[in-house]
Amino acid sequence: MTNRKTLAACLAVGMSAAVVAGSGARAEGRPLQQELRIPYGDLDIADASDQDRLKLRVMQGARALCRSGGPQAVEVWKAEKACFSRALAQGYAQADALFAGEPKGTVVIGAIVISGR
C-alpha cells in the first residue's frame, strides 16, 4: 500500500499516520516502517463497548499500517502478517494497560501509537 493509500485508509477510520522512515517504495517486500496514532479521546475507556471500539480501531489501524492488499508473493505476505501481528499486539497491550489504569510504553494522552517494527 502506498503512503497515500495508507493515509486515506487511516483517515477513513479516524486515525492519522506518520511516516517515520522510508521512501515511497517498499524495501525487499517489507512494508514501510510507519507509526500510526489511534485516538481515543472521544471514547469513555471505562465503558466496555467503548473499549471494544478502541480495540477495533487498533485492529483496523494495524491492517492499514501493514497490509497492502491484493495478490502477494509469499515473502511479502509473511512480512505483512508479521507487521500486522506486532502492531496488533502493541496496540492491544497499550489498550489493556489503559483500561487497567496503568498506561505504559508509548501510550500518549488521547492516543495509542502502534508500529509494524
PDB file of N, CA and C in Angstrom:
ATOM      1  N   MET A   1       0.856  -1.165   0.000  1.00  0.00           N
ATOM      2  CA  MET A   1       0.000   0.000   0.000  1.00  0.00           C
ATOM      3  C   MET A   1       0.905   1.231   0.000  1.00  0.00           C
ATOM      4  N   THR A   2       0.627   2.171  -0.826  1.00  0.00           N
ATOM      5  CA  THR A   2       1.426   3.391  -0.863  1.00  0.00           C
ATOM      6  C   THR A   2       1.105   4.268   0.325  1.00  0.00           C
ATOM      7  N   ASN A   3       1.984   5.245   0.582  1.00  0.00           N
ATOM      8  CA  ASN A   3       1.729   6.162   1.694  1.00  0.00           C
ATOM      9  C   ASN A   3       0.383   6.845   1.521  1.00  0.00           C
ATOM     10  N   ARG A   4       0.043   7.202   0.292  1.00  0.00           N
ATOM     11  CA  ARG A   4      -1.221   7.893   0.018  1.00  0.00           C
ATOM     12  C   ARG A   4      -2.418   7.016   0.363  1.00  0.00           C
ATOM     13  N   LYS A   5      -2.359   5.744  -0.038  1.00  0.00           N
ATOM     14  CA  LYS A   5      -3.450   4.820   0.268  1.00  0.00           C
ATOM     15  C   LYS A   5      -3.518   4.552   1.765  1.00  0.00           C
ATOM     16  N   THR A   6      -2.361   4.419   2.420  1.00  0.00           N
ATOM     17  CA  THR A   6      -2.341   4.202   3.862  1.00  0.00           C
ATOM     18  C   THR A   6      -2.992   5.367   4.577  1.00  0.00           C
ATOM     19  N   LEU A   7      -2.629   6.575   4.189  1.00  0.00           N
ATOM     20  CA  LEU A   7      -3.196   7.762   4.813  1.00  0.00           C
ATOM     21  C   LEU A   7      -4.707   7.809   4.613  1.00  0.00           C
ATOM     22  N   ALA A   8      -5.157   7.499   3.403  1.00  0.00           N
ATOM     23  CA  ALA A   8      -6.595   7.514   3.134  1.00  0.00           C
ATOM     24  C   ALA A   8      -7.319   6.478   3.991  1.00  0.00           C
ATOM     25  N   ALA A   9      -6.731   5.287   4.111  1.00  0.00           N
ATOM     26  CA  ALA A   9      -7.347   4.243   4.929  1.00  0.00           C
ATOM     27  C   ALA A   9      -7.395   4.658   6.394  1.00  0.00           C
ATOM     28  N   CYS A  10      -6.331   5.291   6.858  1.00  0.00           N
ATOM     29  CA  CYS A  10      -6.292   5.727   8.258  1.00  0.00           C
ATOM     30  C   CYS A  10      -7.319   6.820   8.533  1.00  0.00           C
ATOM     31  N   LEU A  11      -7.410   7.764   7.634  1.00  0.00           N
ATOM     32  CA  LEU A  11      -8.367   8.845   7.824  1.00  0.00           C
ATOM     33  C   LEU A  11      -9.799   8.321   7.798  1.00  0.00           C
ATOM     34  N   ALA A  12     -10.013   7.259   7.034  1.00  0.00           N
ATOM     35  CA  ALA A  12     -11.353   6.687   6.947  1.00  0.00           C
ATOM     36  C   ALA A  12     -11.811   6.102   8.278  1.00  0.00           C
ATOM     37  N   VAL A  13     -10.889   5.683   9.119  1.00  0.00           N
ATOM     38  CA  VAL A  13     -11.257   5.128  10.415  1.00  0.00           C
ATOM     39  C   VAL A  13     -10.881   6.070  11.558  1.00  0.00           C
ATOM     40  N   GLY A  14     -10.643   7.327  11.238  1.00  0.00           N
ATOM     41  CA  GLY A  14     -10.404   8.330  12.268  1.00  0.00           C
ATOM     42  C   GLY A  14      -9.017   8.307  12.855  1.00  0.00           C
ATOM     43  N   MET A  15      -8.027   7.938  12.073  1.00  0.00           N
ATOM     44  CA  MET A  15      -6.664   7.865  12.561  1.00  0.00           C
ATOM     45  C   MET A  15      -5.755   8.725  11.711  1.00  0.00           C
ATOM     46  N   SER A  16      -4.582   9.033  12.223  1.00  0.00           N
ATOM     47  CA  SER A  16      -3.610   9.771  11.439  1.00  0.00           C
ATOM     48  C   SER A  16      -2.324   8.983  11.373  1.00  0.00           C
ATOM     49  N   ALA A  17      -1.728   8.933  10.197  1.00  0.00           N
ATOM     50  CA  ALA A  17      -0.490   8.173  10.013  1.00  0.00           C
ATOM     51  C   ALA A  17       0.686   9.123   9.873  1.00  0.00           C
ATOM     52  N   ALA A  18       1.807   8.684  10.375  1.00  0.00           N
ATOM     53  CA  ALA A  18       3.025   9.466  10.232  1.00  0.00           C
ATOM     54  C   ALA A  18       4.130   8.539   9.769  1.00  0.00           C
ATOM     55  N   VAL A  19       4.695   8.820   8.619  1.00  0.00           N
ATOM     56  CA  VAL A  19       5.801   8.018   8.122  1.00  0.00           C
ATOM     57  C   VAL A  19       7.048   8.460   8.876  1.00  0.00           C
ATOM     58  N   VAL A  20       7.739   7.500   9.480  1.00  0.00           N
ATOM     59  CA  VAL A  20       8.927   7.845  10.237  1.00  0.00           C
ATOM     60  C   VAL A  20      10.203   7.398   9.552  1.00  0.00           C
ATOM     61  N   ALA A  21      10.105   6.567   8.534  1.00  0.00           N
ATOM     62  CA  ALA A  21      11.286   6.151   7.790  1.00  0.00           C
ATOM     63  C   ALA A  21      10.842   5.608   6.450  1.00  0.00           C
ATOM     64  N   GLY A  22      11.749   5.650   5.488  1.00  0.00           N
ATOM     65  CA  GLY A  22      11.479   5.046   4.196  1.00  0.00           C
ATOM     66  C   GLY A  22      11.059   6.051   3.163  1.00  0.00           C
ATOM     67  N   SER A  23      11.129   5.610   1.914  1.00  0.00           N
ATOM     68  CA  SER A  23      10.673   6.455   0.814  1.00  0.00           C
ATOM     69  C   SER A  23       9.305   5.975   0.409  1.00  0.00           C
ATOM     70  N   GLY A  24       8.903   6.196  -0.826  1.00  0.00           N
ATOM     71  CA  GLY A  24       7.592   5.766  -1.272  1.00  0.00           C
ATOM     72  C   GLY A  24       7.537   4.321  -1.695  1.00  0.00           C
ATOM     73  N   ALA A  25       8.655   3.614  -1.679  1.00  0.00           N
ATOM     74  CA  ALA A  25       8.688   2.233  -2.149  1.00  0.00           C
ATOM     75  C   ALA A  25       8.940   1.272  -0.991  1.00  0.00           C
ATOM     76  N   ARG A  26       8.571   0.027  -1.206  1.00  0.00           N
ATOM     77  CA  ARG A  26       8.817  -0.998  -0.202  1.00  0.00           C
ATOM     78  C   ARG A  26      10.211  -1.570  -0.429  1.00  0.00           C
ATOM     79  N   ALA A  27      10.895  -1.839   0.655  1.00  0.00           N
ATOM     80  CA  ALA A  27      12.222  -2.420   0.575  1.00  0.00           C
ATOM     81  C   ALA A  27      12.116  -3.929   0.685  1.00  0.00           C
ATOM     82  N   GLU A  28      12.523  -4.634  -0.362  1.00  0.00           N
ATOM     83  CA  GLU A  28      12.546  -6.085  -0.388  1.00  0.00           C
ATOM     84  C   GLU A  28      11.236  -6.704   0.087  1.00  0.00           C
ATOM     85  N   GLY A  29      10.099  -6.124  -0.290  1.00  0.00           N
ATOM     86  CA  GLY A  29       8.809  -6.693   0.049  1.00  0.00           C
ATOM     87  C   GLY A  29       8.338  -6.407   1.456  1.00  0.00           C
ATOM     88  N   ARG A  30       9.130  -5.683   2.235  1.00  0.00           N
ATOM     89  CA  ARG A  30       8.709  -5.358   3.600  1.00  0.00           C
ATOM     90  C   ARG A  30       7.945  -4.050   3.582  1.00  0.00           C
ATOM     91  N   PRO A  31       6.925  -3.931   4.431  1.00  0.00           N
ATOM     92  CA  PRO A  31       6.180  -2.677   4.493  1.00  0.00           C
ATOM     93  C   PRO A  31       7.076  -1.538   4.962  1.00  0.00           C
ATOM     94  N   LEU A  32       6.733  -0.330   4.578  1.00  0.00           N
ATOM     95  CA  LEU A  32       7.432   0.841   5.081  1.00  0.00           C
ATOM     96  C   LEU A  32       7.319   0.860   6.593  1.00  0.00           C
ATOM     97  N   GLN A  33       8.358   1.339   7.254  1.00  0.00           N
ATOM     98  CA  GLN A  33       8.265   1.475   8.706  1.00  0.00           C
ATOM     99  C   GLN A  33       7.487   2.735   8.991  1.00  0.00           C
ATOM    100  N   GLN A  34       6.395   2.563   9.669  1.00  0.00           N
ATOM    101  CA  GLN A  34       5.496   3.671   9.957  1.00  0.00           C
ATOM    102  C   GLN A  34       4.988   3.551  11.377  1.00  0.00           C
ATOM    103  N   GLU A  35       4.487   4.633  11.856  1.00  0.00           N
ATOM    104  CA  GLU A  35       3.749   4.627  13.113  1.00  0.00           C
ATOM    105  C   GLU A  35       2.359   5.140  12.825  1.00  0.00           C
ATOM    106  N   LEU A  36       1.440   4.716  13.633  1.00  0.00           N
ATOM    107  CA  LEU A  36       0.061   5.128  13.468  1.00  0.00           C
ATOM    108  C   LEU A  36      -0.475   5.549  14.820  1.00  0.00           C
ATOM    109  N   ARG A  37      -1.038   6.718  14.876  1.00  0.00           N
ATOM    110  CA  ARG A  37      -1.640   7.248  16.098  1.00  0.00           C
ATOM    111  C   ARG A  37      -3.136   6.938  16.066  1.00  0.00           C
ATOM    112  N   ILE A  38      -3.618   6.277  17.112  1.00  0.00           N
ATOM    113  CA  ILE A  38      -5.023   5.880  17.187  1.00  0.00           C
ATOM    114  C   ILE A  38      -5.676   6.662  18.326  1.00  0.00           C
ATOM    115  N   PRO A  39      -6.464   7.665  17.994  1.00  0.00           N
ATOM    116  CA  PRO A  39      -7.058   8.495  19.042  1.00  0.00           C
ATOM    117  C   PRO A  39      -8.176   7.767  19.792  1.00  0.00           C
ATOM    118  N   TYR A  40      -8.307   8.093  21.065  1.00  0.00           N
ATOM    119  CA  TYR A  40      -9.402   7.540  21.854  1.00  0.00           C
ATOM    120  C   TYR A  40     -10.057   8.604  22.727  1.00  0.00           C
ATOM    121  N   GLY A  41      -9.752   9.869  22.485  1.00  0.00           N
ATOM    122  CA  GLY A  41     -10.303  10.955  23.289  1.00  0.00           C
ATOM    123  C   GLY A  41     -11.817  11.043  23.246  1.00  0.00           C
ATOM    124  N   ASP A  42     -12.428  10.504  22.200  1.00  0.00           N
ATOM    125  CA  ASP A  42     -13.883  10.541  22.079  1.00  0.00           C
ATOM    126  C   ASP A  42     -14.559   9.360  22.768  1.00  0.00           C
ATOM    127  N   LEU A  43     -13.764   8.454  23.361  1.00  0.00           N
ATOM    128  CA  LEU A  43     -14.308   7.251  23.979  1.00  0.00           C
ATOM    129  C   LEU A  43     -14.263   7.349  25.501  1.00  0.00           C
ATOM    130  N   ASP A  44     -15.211   6.677  26.150  1.00  0.00           N
ATOM    131  CA  ASP A  44     -15.209   6.531  27.603  1.00  0.00           C
ATOM    132  C   ASP A  44     -14.523   5.196  27.880  1.00  0.00           C
ATOM    133  N   ILE A  45     -13.236   5.237  28.236  1.00  0.00           N
ATOM    134  CA  ILE A  45     -12.484   3.991  28.368  1.00  0.00           C
ATOM    135  C   ILE A  45     -12.954   3.121  29.528  1.00  0.00           C
ATOM    136  N   ALA A  46     -13.829   3.633  30.383  1.00  0.00           N
ATOM    137  CA  ALA A  46     -14.410   2.823  31.457  1.00  0.00           C
ATOM    138  C   ALA A  46     -15.599   2.002  30.955  1.00  0.00           C
ATOM    139  N   ASP A  47     -16.114   2.336  29.773  1.00  0.00           N
ATOM    140  CA  ASP A  47     -17.280   1.663  29.194  1.00  0.00           C
ATOM    141  C   ASP A  47     -16.811   0.484  28.327  1.00  0.00           C
ATOM    142  N   ALA A  48     -17.364  -0.700  28.562  1.00  0.00           N
ATOM    143  CA  ALA A  48     -16.953  -1.908  27.848  1.00  0.00           C
ATOM    144  C   ALA A  48     -17.148  -1.790  26.339  1.00  0.00           C
ATOM    145  N   SER A  49     -18.239  -1.165  25.896  1.00  0.00           N
ATOM    146  CA  SER A  49     -18.459  -1.048  24.451  1.00  0.00           C
ATOM    147  C   SER A  49     -17.446  -0.094  23.822  1.00  0.00           C
ATOM    148  N   ASP A  50     -17.047   0.945  24.554  1.00  0.00           N
ATOM    149  CA  ASP A  50     -16.018   1.846  24.036  1.00  0.00           C
ATOM    150  C   ASP A  50     -14.643   1.183  24.059  1.00  0.00           C
ATOM    151  N   GLN A  51     -14.416   0.286  25.004  1.00  0.00           N
ATOM    152  CA  GLN A  51     -13.171  -0.487  24.998  1.00  0.00           C
ATOM    153  C   GLN A  51     -13.108  -1.354  23.744  1.00  0.00           C
ATOM    154  N   ASP A  52     -14.237  -1.961  23.401  1.00  0.00           N
ATOM    155  CA  ASP A  52     -14.307  -2.765  22.174  1.00  0.00           C
ATOM    156  C   ASP A  52     -14.065  -1.889  20.946  1.00  0.00           C
ATOM    157  N   ARG A  53     -14.606  -0.675  20.944  1.00  0.00           N
ATOM    158  CA  ARG A  53     -14.398   0.241  19.822  1.00  0.00           C
ATOM    159  C   ARG A  53     -12.914   0.577  19.662  1.00  0.00           C
ATOM    160  N   LEU A  54     -12.232   0.811  20.794  1.00  0.00           N
ATOM    161  CA  LEU A  54     -10.807   1.127  20.721  1.00  0.00           C
ATOM    162  C   LEU A  54     -10.020  -0.059  20.175  1.00  0.00           C
ATOM    163  N   LYS A  55     -10.356  -1.260  20.617  1.00  0.00           N
ATOM    164  CA  LYS A  55      -9.645  -2.440  20.102  1.00  0.00           C
ATOM    165  C   LYS A  55      -9.930  -2.644  18.612  1.00  0.00           C
ATOM    166  N   LEU A  56     -11.135  -2.324  18.174  1.00  0.00           N
ATOM    167  CA  LEU A  56     -11.448  -2.395  16.752  1.00  0.00           C
ATOM    168  C   LEU A  56     -10.603  -1.379  15.975  1.00  0.00           C
ATOM    169  N   ARG A  57     -10.462  -0.172  16.519  1.00  0.00           N
ATOM    170  CA  ARG A  57      -9.617   0.844  15.881  1.00  0.00           C
ATOM    171  C   ARG A  57      -8.171   0.362  15.786  1.00  0.00           C
ATOM    172  N   VAL A  58      -7.699  -0.298  16.841  1.00  0.00           N
ATOM    173  CA  VAL A  58      -6.336  -0.827  16.825  1.00  0.00           C
ATOM    174  C   VAL A  58      -6.196  -1.854  15.706  1.00  0.00           C
ATOM    175  N   MET A  59      -7.167  -2.764  15.598  1.00  0.00           N
ATOM    176  CA  MET A  59      -7.103  -3.788  14.556  1.00  0.00           C
ATOM    177  C   MET A  59      -7.155  -3.157  13.161  1.00  0.00           C
ATOM    178  N   GLN A  60      -8.053  -2.204  12.956  1.00  0.00           N
ATOM    179  CA  GLN A  60      -8.154  -1.529  11.660  1.00  0.00           C
ATOM    180  C   GLN A  60      -6.867  -0.755  11.368  1.00  0.00           C
ATOM    181  N   GLY A  61      -6.306  -0.134  12.390  1.00  0.00           N
ATOM    182  CA  GLY A  61      -5.066   0.612  12.214  1.00  0.00           C
ATOM    183  C   GLY A  61      -3.908  -0.303  11.855  1.00  0.00           C
ATOM    184  N   ALA A  62      -3.800  -1.442  12.526  1.00  0.00           N
ATOM    185  CA  ALA A  62      -2.740  -2.403  12.214  1.00  0.00           C
ATOM    186  C   ALA A  62      -2.877  -2.903  10.786  1.00  0.00           C
ATOM    187  N   ARG A  63      -4.103  -3.130  10.359  1.00  0.00           N
ATOM    188  CA  ARG A  63      -4.346  -3.581   8.982  1.00  0.00           C
ATOM    189  C   ARG A  63      -3.944  -2.496   7.983  1.00  0.00           C
ATOM    190  N   ALA A  64      -4.343  -1.256   8.241  1.00  0.00           N
ATOM    191  CA  ALA A  64      -3.997  -0.151   7.337  1.00  0.00           C
ATOM    192  C   ALA A  64      -2.492   0.093   7.311  1.00  0.00           C
ATOM    193  N   LEU A  65      -1.837  -0.091   8.438  1.00  0.00           N
ATOM    194  CA  LEU A  65      -0.409   0.148   8.563  1.00  0.00           C
ATOM    195  C   LEU A  65       0.409  -0.903   7.827  1.00  0.00           C
ATOM    196  N   CYS A  66      -0.034  -2.151   7.869  1.00  0.00           N
ATOM    197  CA  CYS A  66       0.828  -3.258   7.444  1.00  0.00           C
ATOM    198  C   CYS A  66       0.411  -4.000   6.184  1.00  0.00           C
ATOM    199  N   ARG A  67      -0.821  -3.952   5.813  1.00  0.00           N
ATOM    200  CA  ARG A  67      -1.268  -4.784   4.692  1.00  0.00           C
ATOM    201  C   ARG A  67      -1.512  -3.943   3.454  1.00  0.00           C
ATOM    202  N   SER A  68      -1.011  -4.451   2.331  1.00  0.00           N
ATOM    203  CA  SER A  68      -1.178  -3.708   1.090  1.00  0.00           C
ATOM    204  C   SER A  68      -2.362  -4.210   0.268  1.00  0.00           C
ATOM    205  N   GLY A  69      -2.847  -5.406   0.546  1.00  0.00           N
ATOM    206  CA  GLY A  69      -3.992  -5.950  -0.182  1.00  0.00           C
ATOM    207  C   GLY A  69      -3.595  -6.510  -1.531  1.00  0.00           C
ATOM    208  N   GLY A  70      -4.490  -7.247  -2.109  1.00  0.00           N
ATOM    209  CA  GLY A  70      -4.239  -7.831  -3.416  1.00  0.00           C
ATOM    210  C   GLY A  70      -3.305  -9.026  -3.346  1.00  0.00           C
ATOM    211  N   PRO A  71      -3.050  -9.624  -4.500  1.00  0.00           N
ATOM    212  CA  PRO A  71      -2.157 -10.791  -4.545  1.00  0.00           C
ATOM    213  C   PRO A  71      -0.745 -10.409  -4.103  1.00  0.00           C
ATOM    214  N   GLN A  72      -0.111 -11.308  -3.344  1.00  0.00           N
ATOM    215  CA  GLN A  72       1.214 -11.056  -2.800  1.00  0.00           C
ATOM    216  C   GLN A  72       2.119 -12.252  -3.028  1.00  0.00           C
ATOM    217  N   ALA A  73       3.409 -11.988  -3.176  1.00  0.00           N
ATOM    218  CA  ALA A  73       4.390 -13.064  -3.105  1.00  0.00           C
ATOM    219  C   ALA A  73       4.385 -13.570  -1.666  1.00  0.00           C
ATOM    220  N   VAL A  74       4.740 -14.819  -1.467  1.00  0.00           N
ATOM    221  CA  VAL A  74       4.707 -15.416  -0.137  1.00  0.00           C
ATOM    222  C   VAL A  74       5.558 -14.615   0.842  1.00  0.00           C
ATOM    223  N   GLU A  75       6.725 -14.160   0.419  1.00  0.00           N
ATOM    224  CA  GLU A  75       7.620 -13.414   1.307  1.00  0.00           C
ATOM    225  C   GLU A  75       6.977 -12.096   1.750  1.00  0.00           C
ATOM    226  N   VAL A  76       6.312 -11.424   0.831  1.00  0.00           N
ATOM    227  CA  VAL A  76       5.648 -10.161   1.157  1.00  0.00           C
ATOM    228  C   VAL A  76       4.499 -10.425   2.120  1.00  0.00           C
ATOM    229  N   TRP A  77       3.717 -11.457   1.841  1.00  0.00           N
ATOM    230  CA  TRP A  77       2.600 -11.809   2.714  1.00  0.00           C
ATOM    231  C   TRP A  77       3.094 -12.105   4.124  1.00  0.00           C
ATOM    232  N   LYS A  78       4.189 -12.864   4.249  1.00  0.00           N
ATOM    233  CA  LYS A  78       4.739 -13.196   5.566  1.00  0.00           C
ATOM    234  C   LYS A  78       5.203 -11.937   6.300  1.00  0.00           C
ATOM    235  N   ALA A  79       5.869 -11.030   5.592  1.00  0.00           N
ATOM    236  CA  ALA A  79       6.348  -9.791   6.214  1.00  0.00           C
ATOM    237  C   ALA A  79       5.168  -8.933   6.668  1.00  0.00           C
ATOM    238  N   GLU A  80       4.139  -8.838   5.848  1.00  0.00           N
ATOM    239  CA  GLU A  80       2.964  -8.047   6.213  1.00  0.00           C
ATOM    240  C   GLU A  80       2.215  -8.682   7.389  1.00  0.00           C
ATOM    241  N   LYS A  81       2.138 -10.000   7.403  1.00  0.00           N
ATOM    242  CA  LYS A  81       1.474 -10.695   8.507  1.00  0.00           C
ATOM    243  C   LYS A  81       2.236 -10.462   9.810  1.00  0.00           C
ATOM    244  N   ALA A  82       3.563 -10.535   9.760  1.00  0.00           N
ATOM    245  CA  ALA A  82       4.379 -10.293  10.960  1.00  0.00           C
ATOM    246  C   ALA A  82       4.215  -8.854  11.438  1.00  0.00           C
ATOM    247  N   CYS A  83       4.195  -7.904  10.517  1.00  0.00           N
ATOM    248  CA  CYS A  83       3.986  -6.495  10.840  1.00  0.00           C
ATOM    249  C   CYS A  83       2.631  -6.318  11.521  1.00  0.00           C
ATOM    250  N   PHE A  84       1.600  -6.904  10.940  1.00  0.00           N
ATOM    251  CA  PHE A  84       0.243  -6.812  11.497  1.00  0.00           C
ATOM    252  C   PHE A  84       0.198  -7.392  12.912  1.00  0.00           C
ATOM    253  N   SER A  85       0.807  -8.546  13.101  1.00  0.00           N
ATOM    254  CA  SER A  85       0.801  -9.194  14.422  1.00  0.00           C
ATOM    255  C   SER A  85       1.506  -8.337  15.464  1.00  0.00           C
ATOM    256  N   ARG A  86       2.662  -7.752  15.093  1.00  0.00           N
ATOM    257  CA  ARG A  86       3.387  -6.888  16.034  1.00  0.00           C
ATOM    258  C   ARG A  86       2.576  -5.643  16.377  1.00  0.00           C
ATOM    259  N   ALA A  87       2.032  -4.987  15.360  1.00  0.00           N
ATOM    260  CA  ALA A  87       1.264  -3.764  15.578  1.00  0.00           C
ATOM    261  C   ALA A  87       0.016  -4.049  16.418  1.00  0.00           C
ATOM    262  N   LEU A  88      -0.661  -5.143  16.136  1.00  0.00           N
ATOM    263  CA  LEU A  88      -1.860  -5.516  16.886  1.00  0.00           C
ATOM    264  C   LEU A  88      -1.511  -5.804  18.347  1.00  0.00           C
ATOM    265  N   ALA A  89      -0.438  -6.548  18.566  1.00  0.00           N
ATOM    266  CA  ALA A  89      -0.022  -6.866  19.939  1.00  0.00           C
ATOM    267  C   ALA A  89       0.349  -5.592  20.702  1.00  0.00           C
ATOM    268  N   GLN A  90       1.074  -4.680  20.049  1.00  0.00           N
ATOM    269  CA  GLN A  90       1.431  -3.404  20.688  1.00  0.00           C
ATOM    270  C   GLN A  90       0.178  -2.636  21.082  1.00  0.00           C
ATOM    271  N   GLY A  91      -0.728  -2.499  20.146  1.00  0.00           N
ATOM    272  CA  GLY A  91      -1.939  -1.727  20.389  1.00  0.00           C
ATOM    273  C   GLY A  91      -2.812  -2.327  21.470  1.00  0.00           C
ATOM    274  N   TYR A  92      -2.993  -3.662  21.433  1.00  0.00           N
ATOM    275  CA  TYR A  92      -3.803  -4.322  22.453  1.00  0.00           C
ATOM    276  C   TYR A  92      -3.162  -4.196  23.829  1.00  0.00           C
ATOM    277  N   ALA A  93      -1.840  -4.333  23.909  1.00  0.00           N
ATOM    278  CA  ALA A  93      -1.151  -4.203  25.198  1.00  0.00           C
ATOM    279  C   ALA A  93      -1.334  -2.797  25.765  1.00  0.00           C
ATOM    280  N   GLN A  94      -1.218  -1.791  24.900  1.00  0.00           N
ATOM    281  CA  GLN A  94      -1.400  -0.417  25.353  1.00  0.00           C
ATOM    282  C   GLN A  94      -2.847  -0.167  25.771  1.00  0.00           C
ATOM    283  N   ALA A  95      -3.793  -0.698  25.005  1.00  0.00           N
ATOM    284  CA  ALA A  95      -5.207  -0.527  25.347  1.00  0.00           C
ATOM    285  C   ALA A  95      -5.516  -1.206  26.680  1.00  0.00           C
ATOM    286  N   ASP A  96      -5.021  -2.431  26.868  1.00  0.00           N
ATOM    287  CA  ASP A  96      -5.268  -3.144  28.124  1.00  0.00           C
ATOM    288  C   ASP A  96      -4.673  -2.398  29.311  1.00  0.00           C
ATOM    289  N   ALA A  97      -3.462  -1.833  29.128  1.00  0.00           N
ATOM    290  CA  ALA A  97      -2.839  -1.046  30.196  1.00  0.00           C
ATOM    291  C   ALA A  97      -3.669   0.203  30.482  1.00  0.00           C
ATOM    292  N   LEU A  98      -4.184   0.805  29.435  1.00  0.00           N
ATOM    293  CA  LEU A  98      -5.023   1.991  29.589  1.00  0.00           C
ATOM    294  C   LEU A  98      -6.303   1.643  30.351  1.00  0.00           C
ATOM    295  N   PHE A  99      -6.929   0.519  29.997  1.00  0.00           N
ATOM    296  CA  PHE A  99      -8.158   0.091  30.664  1.00  0.00           C
ATOM    297  C   PHE A  99      -7.899  -0.214  32.139  1.00  0.00           C
ATOM    298  N   ALA A 100      -6.701  -0.727  32.422  1.00  0.00           N
ATOM    299  CA  ALA A 100      -6.345  -1.067  33.805  1.00  0.00           C
ATOM    300  C   ALA A 100      -5.855   0.147  34.585  1.00  0.00           C
ATOM    301  N   GLY A 101      -5.749   1.284  33.905  1.00  0.00           N
ATOM    302  CA  GLY A 101      -5.291   2.497  34.572  1.00  0.00           C
ATOM    303  C   GLY A 101      -3.795   2.560  34.743  1.00  0.00           C
ATOM    304  N   GLU A 102      -3.051   1.777  33.942  1.00  0.00           N
ATOM    305  CA  GLU A 102      -1.606   1.726  34.038  1.00  0.00           C
ATOM    306  C   GLU A 102      -0.965   1.952  32.669  1.00  0.00           C
ATOM    307  N   PRO A 103      -1.106   3.130  32.071  1.00  0.00           N
ATOM    308  CA  PRO A 103      -0.508   3.348  30.760  1.00  0.00           C
ATOM    309  C   PRO A 103       0.995   3.084  30.784  1.00  0.00           C
ATOM    310  N   LYS A 104       1.468   2.350  29.762  1.00  0.00           N
ATOM    311  CA  LYS A 104       2.887   2.005  29.651  1.00  0.00           C
ATOM    312  C   LYS A 104       3.324   2.192  28.217  1.00  0.00           C
ATOM    313  N   GLY A 105       4.627   2.217  28.016  1.00  0.00           N
ATOM    314  CA  GLY A 105       5.165   2.270  26.668  1.00  0.00           C
ATOM    315  C   GLY A 105       4.884   3.596  26.010  1.00  0.00           C
ATOM    316  N   THR A 106       4.371   3.537  24.796  1.00  0.00           N
ATOM    317  CA  THR A 106       4.182   4.744  24.016  1.00  0.00           C
ATOM    318  C   THR A 106       2.753   5.259  24.060  1.00  0.00           C
ATOM    319  N   VAL A 107       1.994   4.907  25.083  1.00  0.00           N
ATOM    320  CA  VAL A 107       0.658   5.476  25.224  1.00  0.00           C
ATOM    321  C   VAL A 107       0.831   6.966  25.477  1.00  0.00           C
ATOM    322  N   VAL A 108       0.165   7.773  24.687  1.00  0.00           N
ATOM    323  CA  VAL A 108       0.222   9.216  24.865  1.00  0.00           C
ATOM    324  C   VAL A 108      -1.175   9.709  25.184  1.00  0.00           C
ATOM    325  N   ILE A 109      -1.254  10.911  25.679  1.00  0.00           N
ATOM    326  CA  ILE A 109      -2.551  11.456  26.065  1.00  0.00           C
ATOM    327  C   ILE A 109      -3.495  11.448  24.871  1.00  0.00           C
ATOM    328  N   GLY A 110      -4.569  10.716  24.985  1.00  0.00           N
ATOM    329  CA  GLY A 110      -5.600  10.706  23.975  1.00  0.00           C
ATOM    330  C   GLY A 110      -5.341   9.860  22.748  1.00  0.00           C
ATOM    331  N   ALA A 111      -4.224   9.117  22.690  1.00  0.00           N
ATOM    332  CA  ALA A 111      -3.961   8.278  21.525  1.00  0.00           C
ATOM    333  C   ALA A 111      -3.027   7.135  21.893  1.00  0.00           C
ATOM    334  N   ILE A 112      -3.150   6.048  21.151  1.00  0.00           N
ATOM    335  CA  ILE A 112      -2.238   4.906  21.233  1.00  0.00           C
ATOM    336  C   ILE A 112      -1.388   4.982  19.973  1.00  0.00           C
ATOM    337  N   VAL A 113      -0.110   4.656  20.076  1.00  0.00           N
ATOM    338  CA  VAL A 113       0.775   4.662  18.918  1.00  0.00           C
ATOM    339  C   VAL A 113       1.232   3.237  18.666  1.00  0.00           C
ATOM    340  N   ILE A 114       1.038   2.756  17.428  1.00  0.00           N
ATOM    341  CA  ILE A 114       1.500   1.418  17.057  1.00  0.00           C
ATOM    342  C   ILE A 114       2.471   1.538  15.900  1.00  0.00           C
ATOM    343  N   SER A 115       3.306   0.529  15.751  1.00  0.00           N
ATOM    344  CA  SER A 115       4.200   0.469  14.593  1.00  0.00           C
ATOM    345  C   SER A 115       4.342  -0.992  14.189  1.00  0.00           C
ATOM    346  N   GLY A 116       4.773  -1.214  12.985  1.00  0.00           N
ATOM    347  CA  GLY A 116       4.970  -2.566  12.495  1.00  0.00           C
ATOM    348  C   GLY A 116       6.370  -3.073  12.750  1.00  0.00           C
ATOM    349  N   ARG A 117       7.191  -2.261  13.419  1.00  0.00           N
ATOM    350  CA  ARG A 117       8.585  -2.652  13.662  1.00  0.00           C
ATOM    351  C   ARG A 117       8.695  -3.594  14.825  1.00  0.00           C
TER     352      ARG A 117
END
